[in-house]
Protein backbone atom coordinates (compact mmCIF):
# COMPACT_ATOMS: atom_id res chain seq x y z
CA UNK A 1 -80.17 160.98 -4.56
CA UNK A 2 -83.45 160.35 -6.61
CA UNK A 3 -85.21 162.53 -4.21
CA UNK A 4 -82.67 165.10 -4.72
CA UNK A 5 -83.05 165.08 -8.42
CA UNK A 6 -87.04 165.18 -8.40
CA UNK A 7 -87.00 168.17 -5.89
CA UNK A 8 -84.31 170.12 -7.78
CA UNK A 9 -86.07 169.46 -11.27
CA UNK A 10 -89.39 170.68 -9.61
CA UNK A 11 -87.68 173.98 -8.85
CA UNK A 12 -86.11 174.22 -12.36
CA UNK A 13 -89.35 173.90 -14.22
CA UNK A 14 -91.06 176.43 -11.71
CA UNK A 15 -88.58 178.79 -13.37
CA UNK A 16 -89.18 177.47 -16.72
CA UNK A 17 -85.71 175.90 -16.69
CA UNK A 18 -84.46 172.56 -17.98
CA UNK A 19 -82.72 169.93 -15.94
CA UNK A 20 -80.34 168.74 -18.71
CA UNK A 21 -77.78 166.42 -17.07
CA UNK A 22 -76.90 164.61 -13.71
CA UNK A 23 -73.44 163.37 -12.72
CA UNK A 24 -73.11 161.19 -9.72
CA UNK A 25 -69.34 161.05 -8.56
CA UNK A 26 -67.29 160.31 -5.45
CA UNK A 27 -67.42 162.79 -2.47
CA UNK A 28 -63.47 163.57 -3.55
CA UNK A 29 -61.95 166.61 -5.05
CA UNK A 30 -60.70 165.30 -8.35
CA UNK A 31 -63.87 163.30 -9.58
CA UNK A 32 -66.11 166.28 -8.48
CA UNK A 33 -63.87 169.04 -10.44
CA UNK A 34 -63.63 166.91 -13.55
CA UNK A 35 -67.62 166.50 -13.37
CA UNK A 36 -67.88 170.46 -12.88
CA UNK A 37 -65.68 171.11 -16.04
CA UNK A 38 -67.64 168.53 -18.28
CA UNK A 39 -71.30 169.99 -17.13
CA UNK A 40 -69.69 173.67 -17.36
CA UNK A 41 -69.44 173.02 -21.22
CA UNK A 42 -72.98 172.96 -22.20
CA UNK A 43 -74.98 174.60 -19.07
CA UNK A 44 -75.67 178.00 -17.91
CA UNK A 45 -75.81 176.98 -14.03
CA UNK A 46 -74.24 174.16 -12.08
CA UNK A 47 -75.50 172.86 -8.97
CA UNK A 48 -73.71 170.57 -6.58
CA UNK A 49 -74.99 168.34 -3.78
CA UNK A 50 -72.42 167.13 -1.44
CA UNK A 51 -72.73 163.76 0.34
CA UNK A 52 -71.95 165.71 3.81
CA UNK A 53 -72.43 169.39 5.00
CA UNK A 54 -69.47 172.14 4.11
CA UNK A 55 -67.26 172.77 7.12
CA UNK A 56 -65.01 175.41 5.84
CA UNK A 57 -63.54 176.79 2.60
CA UNK A 58 -60.90 173.68 2.42
CA UNK A 59 -63.81 171.05 2.46
CA UNK A 60 -64.36 168.93 -0.74
CA UNK A 61 -66.84 171.06 -2.63
CA UNK A 62 -65.31 174.48 -2.53
CA UNK A 63 -61.69 172.74 -2.98
CA UNK A 64 -63.39 171.02 -6.20
CA UNK A 65 -64.68 174.36 -7.59
CA UNK A 66 -61.26 175.77 -7.23
CA UNK A 67 -59.61 173.00 -8.94
CA UNK A 68 -61.90 173.14 -11.83
CA UNK A 69 -60.79 176.53 -12.46
CA UNK A 70 -63.74 178.39 -10.58
CA UNK A 71 -63.83 181.18 -7.95
CA UNK A 72 -65.63 180.72 -4.75
CA UNK A 73 -67.17 184.14 -4.00
CA UNK A 74 -69.07 183.22 -0.44
CA UNK A 75 -69.53 180.01 2.07
CA UNK A 76 -72.54 180.44 4.15
CA UNK A 77 -75.87 182.30 4.26
CA UNK A 78 -77.40 184.12 7.48
CA UNK A 79 -80.51 182.34 7.11
CA UNK A 80 -81.61 178.89 8.42
CA UNK A 81 -82.77 176.59 6.53
CA UNK A 82 -79.91 177.00 3.71
CA UNK A 83 -77.31 178.54 5.64
CA UNK A 84 -74.36 176.16 4.18
CA UNK A 85 -74.95 177.39 0.73
CA UNK A 86 -71.57 178.20 -1.41
CA UNK A 87 -71.63 180.79 -4.03
CA UNK A 88 -69.09 180.47 -6.78
CA UNK A 89 -68.59 180.90 -10.56
CA UNK A 90 -66.76 178.95 -13.26
CA UNK A 91 -66.18 181.13 -16.68
CA UNK A 92 -68.60 183.65 -15.76
CA UNK A 93 -71.56 180.92 -15.14
CA UNK A 94 -72.80 180.41 -11.49
CA UNK A 95 -71.92 177.20 -9.72
CA UNK A 96 -74.16 176.71 -6.52
CA UNK A 97 -73.04 174.33 -3.81
CA UNK A 98 -76.63 173.41 -2.52
CA UNK A 99 -77.27 173.22 1.27
CA UNK A 100 -78.92 169.93 2.66
CA UNK A 101 -82.24 171.76 3.02
CA UNK A 102 -82.39 172.03 -0.82
CA UNK A 103 -83.65 168.18 -0.88
CA UNK A 104 -86.73 169.40 0.75
CA UNK A 105 -89.77 171.01 -1.14
CA UNK A 106 -90.09 173.85 1.48
CA UNK A 107 -88.98 177.02 0.81
CA UNK A 108 -85.36 177.79 2.20
CA UNK A 109 -82.19 179.72 1.45
CA UNK A 110 -81.57 178.17 -1.72
CA UNK A 111 -84.85 179.22 -3.42
CA UNK A 112 -83.79 182.84 -2.68
CA UNK A 113 -80.42 182.35 -4.70
CA UNK A 114 -81.61 179.85 -7.63
CA UNK A 115 -85.04 182.03 -8.36
CA UNK A 116 -82.79 185.16 -8.87
CA UNK A 117 -80.15 183.38 -10.76
CA UNK A 118 -82.60 181.90 -13.05
CA UNK A 119 -84.35 185.26 -13.65
CA UNK A 120 -81.09 186.45 -14.88
CA UNK A 121 -80.34 188.40 -11.82
CA UNK A 122 -76.69 188.56 -10.62
CA UNK A 123 -76.43 187.32 -7.15
CA UNK A 124 -73.00 188.69 -5.25
CA UNK A 125 -71.64 188.08 -1.79
CA UNK A 126 -73.28 191.28 -0.56
CA UNK A 127 -76.78 189.95 -1.55
CA UNK A 128 -76.32 186.92 0.17
CA UNK A 129 -75.16 188.49 3.50
CA UNK A 130 -78.28 191.01 3.34
CA UNK A 131 -80.52 187.90 3.03
CA UNK A 132 -80.04 188.06 7.05
CA UNK A 133 -82.10 191.13 7.14
CA UNK A 134 -85.66 190.18 7.91
CA UNK A 135 -84.40 186.82 6.51
CA UNK A 136 -85.67 183.32 6.67
CA UNK A 137 -85.28 182.00 9.91
CA UNK A 138 -86.60 178.80 11.89
CA UNK A 139 -86.02 177.75 15.34
CA UNK A 140 -84.08 174.47 15.64
CA UNK A 141 -84.30 172.74 19.25
CA UNK A 142 -81.09 170.99 18.46
CA UNK A 143 -79.28 174.29 17.55
CA UNK A 144 -80.75 177.36 19.42
CA UNK A 145 -80.05 180.70 18.57
CA UNK A 146 -79.12 183.65 21.06
CA UNK A 147 -81.71 186.24 20.23
CA UNK A 148 -84.15 188.39 22.21
CA UNK A 149 -86.43 186.05 24.38
CA UNK A 150 -89.75 185.83 22.75
CA UNK A 151 -92.95 186.30 25.00
CA UNK A 152 -94.09 183.06 26.40
CA UNK A 153 -97.27 181.51 24.45
CA UNK A 154 -99.51 178.79 25.48
CA UNK A 155 -98.29 175.16 25.03
CA UNK A 156 -98.82 174.11 21.17
CA UNK A 157 -102.27 172.13 20.86
CA UNK A 158 -102.36 168.91 19.49
CA UNK A 159 -105.11 166.85 17.82
CA UNK A 160 -104.83 163.01 18.23
CA UNK A 161 -105.83 161.09 15.23
CA UNK A 162 -106.48 157.32 15.51
CA UNK A 163 -106.53 155.63 12.20
CA UNK A 164 -109.07 152.76 12.31
CA UNK A 165 -109.93 152.26 8.54
CA UNK A 166 -107.97 149.18 7.78
CA UNK A 167 -109.47 145.93 6.75
CA UNK A 168 -107.46 143.36 8.99
CA UNK A 169 -106.83 141.31 5.97
CA UNK A 170 -104.87 138.78 8.08
CA UNK A 171 -107.97 138.16 10.59
CA UNK A 172 -109.76 136.20 8.02
CA UNK A 173 -112.99 138.19 7.97
CA UNK A 174 -112.79 139.59 11.39
CA UNK A 175 -112.23 142.98 12.47
CA UNK A 176 -109.31 143.31 14.92
CA UNK A 177 -110.43 146.54 16.44
CA UNK A 178 -113.63 145.19 17.31
CA UNK A 179 -111.74 142.39 19.40
CA UNK A 180 -112.39 143.19 23.22
CA UNK A 181 -109.81 143.19 25.97
CA UNK A 182 -111.25 143.06 29.42
CA UNK A 183 -114.84 143.60 27.56
CA UNK A 184 -113.42 146.61 25.80
CA UNK A 185 -113.35 146.65 21.93
CA UNK A 186 -109.78 147.65 20.89
CA UNK A 187 -110.88 150.49 18.96
CA UNK A 188 -112.67 151.84 22.01
CA UNK A 189 -109.94 151.23 24.30
CA UNK A 190 -107.37 153.02 22.11
CA UNK A 191 -110.01 156.01 21.66
CA UNK A 192 -110.38 156.34 25.66
CA UNK A 193 -106.65 156.47 25.82
CA UNK A 194 -106.63 159.62 23.40
CA UNK A 195 -109.22 161.30 25.28
CA UNK A 196 -107.62 160.68 28.66
CA UNK A 197 -104.29 162.30 27.02
CA UNK A 198 -106.37 165.35 26.00
CA UNK A 199 -106.28 165.15 22.29
CA UNK A 200 -107.80 168.64 21.05
CA UNK A 201 -109.79 166.90 19.32
CA UNK A 202 -109.36 162.98 19.33
CA UNK A 203 -110.20 161.94 15.62
CA UNK A 204 -111.15 158.75 14.72
CA UNK A 205 -110.78 157.69 10.84
CA UNK A 206 -113.04 155.00 10.04
CA UNK A 207 -113.45 152.96 6.77
CA UNK A 208 -113.75 149.12 6.77
CA UNK A 209 -116.90 148.19 8.74
CA UNK A 210 -117.32 151.75 9.71
CA UNK A 211 -121.08 151.37 11.32
CA UNK A 212 -119.52 148.76 13.79
CA UNK A 213 -116.74 150.89 14.69
CA UNK A 214 -118.81 153.72 14.99
CA UNK A 215 -121.16 151.88 17.41
CA UNK A 216 -117.96 150.59 19.31
CA UNK A 217 -117.13 154.58 19.89
CA UNK A 218 -120.69 155.33 20.78
CA UNK A 219 -121.10 157.91 23.79
CA UNK A 220 -117.17 158.91 23.42
CA UNK A 221 -116.31 162.63 22.63
CA UNK A 222 -114.57 161.80 19.34
CA UNK A 223 -114.84 163.22 15.88
CA UNK A 224 -115.82 160.73 13.27
CA UNK A 225 -113.78 161.10 9.94
CA UNK A 226 -114.82 158.69 7.46
CA UNK A 227 -112.38 157.35 4.70
CA UNK A 228 -114.27 156.44 1.62
CA UNK A 229 -111.35 155.53 -0.25
CA UNK A 230 -109.69 153.46 2.78
CA UNK A 231 -109.10 150.08 0.48
CA UNK A 232 -106.33 152.22 -1.27
CA UNK A 233 -104.21 152.31 1.58
CA UNK A 234 -102.70 154.17 4.60
CA UNK A 235 -102.08 157.57 2.83
CA UNK A 236 -105.55 158.34 2.48
CA UNK A 237 -106.37 157.53 5.98
CA UNK A 238 -103.49 160.08 7.08
CA UNK A 239 -105.06 162.50 4.61
CA UNK A 240 -108.64 162.22 6.09
CA UNK A 241 -107.03 162.53 9.41
CA UNK A 242 -105.26 165.74 8.57
CA UNK A 243 -108.40 167.31 6.90
CA UNK A 244 -110.04 167.12 10.24
CA UNK A 245 -107.45 168.87 12.39
CA UNK A 246 -108.39 172.32 13.47
CA UNK A 247 -106.72 175.15 12.24
CA UNK A 248 -105.53 175.94 15.97
CA UNK A 249 -103.54 172.73 16.44
CA UNK A 250 -99.97 172.96 15.87
CA UNK A 251 -99.40 169.36 15.46
CA UNK A 252 -101.22 165.80 14.86
CA UNK A 253 -100.48 162.84 16.80
CA UNK A 254 -101.07 159.70 14.47
CA UNK A 255 -101.72 156.63 16.31
CA UNK A 256 -102.83 153.10 15.09
CA UNK A 257 -105.99 151.88 16.80
CA UNK A 258 -104.68 148.31 16.91
CA UNK A 259 -101.68 148.92 19.58
CA UNK A 260 -103.41 147.34 22.68
CA UNK A 261 -100.25 148.40 25.15
CA UNK A 262 -100.55 152.16 24.25
CA UNK A 263 -101.62 154.34 27.36
CA UNK A 264 -102.70 157.81 28.07
CA UNK A 265 -99.44 158.25 29.78
CA UNK A 266 -97.48 157.38 26.71
CA UNK A 267 -99.65 159.55 24.59
CA UNK A 268 -99.18 162.44 26.98
CA UNK A 269 -95.40 162.12 27.31
CA UNK A 270 -95.01 162.50 23.36
CA UNK A 271 -97.20 165.64 23.56
CA UNK A 272 -95.11 166.74 26.54
CA UNK A 273 -91.95 166.52 24.05
CA UNK A 274 -93.78 168.32 21.32
CA UNK A 275 -94.81 171.08 23.48
CA UNK A 276 -91.56 171.76 25.08
CA UNK A 277 -89.69 171.73 21.63
CA UNK A 278 -91.91 174.60 20.52
CA UNK A 279 -94.36 172.70 18.51
CA UNK A 280 -92.04 172.69 15.43
CA UNK A 281 -90.46 169.16 15.59
CA UNK A 282 -91.63 165.65 14.89
CA UNK A 283 -91.52 163.52 18.06
CA UNK A 284 -91.44 159.87 17.38
CA UNK A 285 -92.10 156.85 19.66
CA UNK A 286 -89.20 154.21 19.80
CA UNK A 287 -88.44 150.89 21.50
CA UNK A 288 -84.87 150.06 22.07
CA UNK A 289 -83.67 153.04 19.87
CA UNK A 290 -85.80 151.44 16.81
CA UNK A 291 -88.48 153.73 15.23
CA UNK A 292 -92.07 152.79 16.25
CA UNK A 293 -95.73 154.29 16.61
CA UNK A 294 -97.34 157.03 17.37
CA UNK A 295 -95.59 159.88 15.56
CA UNK A 296 -96.52 163.60 15.95
CA UNK A 297 -96.37 165.55 12.79
CA UNK A 298 -95.69 169.43 13.20
CA UNK A 299 -98.22 171.50 10.96
CA UNK A 300 -95.52 172.36 8.51
CA UNK A 301 -95.61 168.87 7.31
CA UNK A 302 -99.31 168.88 6.97
CA UNK A 303 -99.41 169.75 3.43
CA UNK A 304 -96.92 167.30 2.02
CA UNK A 305 -99.20 164.43 3.81
CA UNK A 306 -101.54 165.03 0.49
CA UNK A 307 -98.45 163.97 -1.85
CA UNK A 308 -98.60 160.55 -0.50
CA UNK A 309 -100.20 157.56 -2.27
CA UNK A 310 -101.17 154.06 -1.68
CA UNK A 311 -100.22 151.98 1.49
CA UNK A 312 -97.53 154.42 2.52
CA UNK A 313 -97.24 156.15 5.77
CA UNK A 314 -95.41 159.31 6.85
CA UNK A 315 -92.01 157.80 7.53
CA UNK A 316 -90.09 159.42 4.59
CA UNK A 317 -91.74 163.00 5.46
CA UNK A 318 -90.66 162.33 9.05
CA UNK A 319 -87.12 161.34 7.89
CA UNK A 320 -86.80 164.65 5.94
CA UNK A 321 -83.34 166.32 6.60
CA UNK A 322 -84.80 169.88 7.52
CA UNK A 323 -87.46 168.95 10.21
CA UNK A 324 -85.73 167.92 13.54
CA UNK A 325 -87.01 164.61 15.03
CA UNK A 326 -87.16 163.85 18.84
CA UNK A 327 -87.39 160.27 19.57
CA UNK A 328 -88.91 159.23 23.00
CA UNK A 329 -88.25 155.57 24.08
CA UNK A 330 -91.77 154.23 25.14
CA UNK A 331 -90.79 150.51 25.48
CA UNK A 332 -92.55 147.71 23.86
CA UNK A 333 -95.72 149.65 23.60
CA UNK A 334 -94.41 151.39 20.67
CA UNK A 335 -94.22 148.22 18.67
CA UNK A 336 -96.77 145.95 19.89
CA UNK A 337 -99.74 145.84 17.53
CA UNK A 338 -102.30 142.86 16.55
CA UNK A 339 -101.91 141.99 13.16
CA UNK A 340 -102.49 138.61 13.38
CA UNK A 341 -104.96 135.97 15.33
CA UNK A 342 -101.92 134.79 17.31
CA UNK A 343 -100.75 138.11 18.24
CA UNK A 344 -103.93 139.10 19.05
CA UNK A 345 -104.73 136.31 21.44
CA UNK A 346 -101.18 136.49 22.82
CA UNK A 347 -102.13 139.84 23.98
CA UNK A 348 -105.28 139.02 25.69
CA UNK A 349 -107.70 139.81 22.79
CA UNK A 350 -110.87 138.05 22.12
CA UNK A 351 -112.13 138.35 18.36
CA UNK A 352 -116.12 138.53 18.08
CA UNK A 353 -117.88 135.79 16.85
CA UNK A 354 -118.59 135.86 13.10
């Protein structure tokens, strides 16, 4: 709900407006209708975010609007995302039941209506219906649309970004990425898996002990991306990786360099799922149904990576409501990393002598 408020306030400020108040109620008709009446007294537009999607005209949101004395003009939009918007009014003031995608900063059908209303333009049922002509429509693998088949296109290209800039703070001065497994440094082992998985290209984000890590990668076909701000946390490495993804790539597979059980076959499995879904979905590795690493970010999320700060990964971007997620079971390899000396030794790693 806090994120919803932030996104809504950004949209309103962009239209030179002011978010005056917020009421959080139970998802029940009576408390919602009372909140609508209260906000109606001193505001020009009322926005309602429900706890679940609207199913029909008798659902909680439209029923509460009517109970408050309002009129529901139309439910639904012929655009996606945004197809579950409610257009209503109370006492001559617009009342909008927002679709779930209005929580996202990406443009959607909700923007098309809110921008018009805040510009003082009337929006009626006919306007909503005609938005479907040349309208906003995204392919959603989980909800395919029946339409004219598109010509086949080449499989989506995927860059593989290996994050290897961390400081190994729990290794008491050693760099875990330089630990050897069967005589091969862990960072080099991870890079070889990415190369064998046909990353286009393979990007190695370096920071801490960059010279030593670069030497461990010598002779491999990788793009070196130096993160000078690596000490600020994971977000800066993600941003560094995305800056080096070529324009023709439709996705970026983000892998951590300290996961010794990940193989080229695991990475190829994730890439295939991404390509089969048309290059528009997040693909995430899991173990026993629990989220793990790596994950593939579609290009639609790239810009939002630059909103992250500190030691924060892309988890909340991945779990947005408007980008479908495909989970791929990889077994223990999806969660096995080497953050401690004990963990590293247990997986067969040998730290370099300091």
